[in-house]
Amino acid sequence: MEVQLVNPGKISLEDKLVNPGKISMQVKLVNPVKISMEVKLVNPGKISMEVKLVNPGKISLEDKLVNPGKISMEVKLVNPGKISLEDKLVNPGKISMEVKLVNPKR
């Protein structure tokens, strides 16, 4: 699944997962920037996600990020086998996630 930032703070998703699953999320950025996001289903109940800056030359990240130009994200799946992401929901079987740039600089 690939995610691209359509408008600041909004993401449109294109579902390319073999197994049925719907993902809907919102990314909040301190300062609007363009990012691309990859979501890969590694194992049932685990999701690995990478966030890459489209134009890393325009933004530098602070020390809180492990790798420059990458955003660290944690996703917890309560009920493996079912993926239903909705922003700011912490209901059983649903995933809540937020992506924030700590101190974006131009």
Protein backbone atom coordinates (compact mmCIF):
# COMPACT_ATOMS: atom_id res chain seq x y z
CA MET A 1 0.00 0.00 0.00
CA GLU A 2 1.29 3.40 -0.87
CA VAL A 3 0.21 6.60 0.80
CA GLN A 4 0.72 10.04 -0.60
CA LEU A 5 0.00 13.38 1.03
CA VAL A 6 -2.79 15.04 -0.95
CA ASN A 7 -3.37 18.04 1.31
CA PRO A 8 -1.56 19.11 4.49
CA GLY A 9 -2.74 16.78 7.25
CA LYS A 10 -4.66 14.51 4.90
CA ILE A 11 -3.63 11.26 3.24
CA SER A 12 -5.28 9.33 0.46
CA LEU A 13 -4.70 5.59 0.39
CA GLU A 14 -4.62 3.14 -2.46
CA ASP A 15 -5.38 -0.40 -1.27
CA LYS A 16 -2.98 -2.95 -2.71
CA LEU A 17 -3.12 -5.53 0.10
CA VAL A 18 -3.81 -9.11 -0.90
CA ASN A 19 -5.88 -9.68 2.23
CA PRO A 20 -8.99 -7.56 2.75
CA GLY A 21 -8.31 -4.54 4.91
CA LYS A 22 -9.21 -0.88 4.91
CA ILE A 23 -6.85 1.78 6.17
CA SER A 24 -7.86 5.36 6.85
CA MET A 25 -5.50 7.71 8.62
CA GLN A 26 -4.61 11.33 9.05
CA VAL A 27 -1.13 12.72 9.52
CA LYS A 28 -0.68 15.85 11.57
CA LEU A 29 2.40 17.88 10.75
CA VAL A 30 3.61 20.93 12.63
CA ASN A 31 4.49 22.53 9.31
CA PRO A 32 2.88 21.19 6.12
CA VAL A 33 5.32 19.09 4.08
CA LYS A 34 5.03 16.44 1.41
CA ILE A 35 5.66 12.87 2.51
CA SER A 36 5.30 9.45 0.97
CA MET A 37 4.35 6.48 3.11
CA GLU A 38 4.69 2.75 2.64
CA VAL A 39 2.64 0.28 4.65
CA LYS A 40 3.65 -3.37 4.59
CA LEU A 41 1.88 -6.24 6.32
CA VAL A 42 4.77 -8.25 7.75
CA ASN A 43 3.02 -10.77 9.97
CA PRO A 44 -0.57 -11.10 11.19
CA GLY A 45 -0.96 -8.45 13.86
CA LYS A 46 2.15 -6.55 12.86
CA ILE A 47 2.45 -3.61 10.48
CA SER A 48 5.72 -2.03 9.45
CA MET A 49 5.50 1.50 8.16
CA GLU A 50 8.06 3.78 6.61
CA VAL A 51 7.66 7.50 6.15
CA LYS A 52 10.00 9.25 3.75
CA LEU A 53 10.28 12.91 2.95
CA VAL A 54 9.77 13.62 -0.73
CA ASN A 55 12.13 16.58 -0.61
CA PRO A 56 14.56 15.81 2.23
CA GLY A 57 16.83 18.69 1.21
CA LYS A 58 14.27 21.23 2.40
CA ILE A 59 13.73 19.77 5.86
CA SER A 60 16.08 18.66 8.60
CA LEU A 61 14.85 16.60 11.53
CA GLU A 62 15.94 16.79 15.15
CA ASP A 63 17.70 14.08 17.15
CA LYS A 64 14.46 12.44 18.21
CA LEU A 65 14.30 10.69 14.83
CA VAL A 66 16.59 7.70 14.56
CA ASN A 67 17.39 8.17 10.89
CA PRO A 68 17.47 11.53 9.09
CA GLY A 69 14.58 11.91 6.67
CA LYS A 70 12.62 9.08 8.27
CA ILE A 71 9.80 9.18 10.79
CA SER A 72 9.45 6.49 13.40
CA MET A 73 5.94 5.15 13.93
CA GLU A 74 4.48 2.51 16.21
CA VAL A 75 1.32 0.60 15.31
CA LYS A 76 -0.41 -1.71 17.73
CA LEU A 77 -2.92 -4.22 16.41
CA VAL A 78 -5.34 -5.37 19.08
CA ASN A 79 -7.05 -8.12 17.09
CA PRO A 80 -4.71 -9.81 14.57
CA GLY A 81 -6.29 -10.74 11.25
CA LYS A 82 -8.39 -7.61 11.01
CA ILE A 83 -6.93 -4.27 10.00
CA SER A 84 -9.13 -1.25 10.42
CA LEU A 85 -7.32 2.02 10.99
CA GLU A 86 -9.18 5.15 11.92
CA ASP A 87 -7.45 8.20 13.26
CA LYS A 88 -7.66 8.76 17.00
CA LEU A 89 -9.66 5.57 17.64
CA VAL A 90 -8.57 3.24 20.40
CA ASN A 91 -11.44 0.78 20.15
CA PRO A 92 -10.66 -2.97 20.27
CA GLY A 93 -9.62 -4.27 16.87
CA LYS A 94 -8.73 -0.81 15.61
CA ILE A 95 -5.45 1.00 15.30
CA SER A 96 -4.73 4.56 16.27
CA MET A 97 -1.68 6.30 14.86
CA GLU A 98 -0.29 9.77 14.49
CA VAL A 99 2.67 11.02 12.51
CA LYS A 100 4.30 14.21 13.66
CA LEU A 101 7.47 15.98 12.65
CA VAL A 102 9.18 17.01 15.85
CA ASN A 103 10.94 20.19 14.76
CA PRO A 104 10.71 20.70 11.00
CA LYS A 105 13.14 23.23 9.57
CA ARG A 106 13.37 24.71 6.12
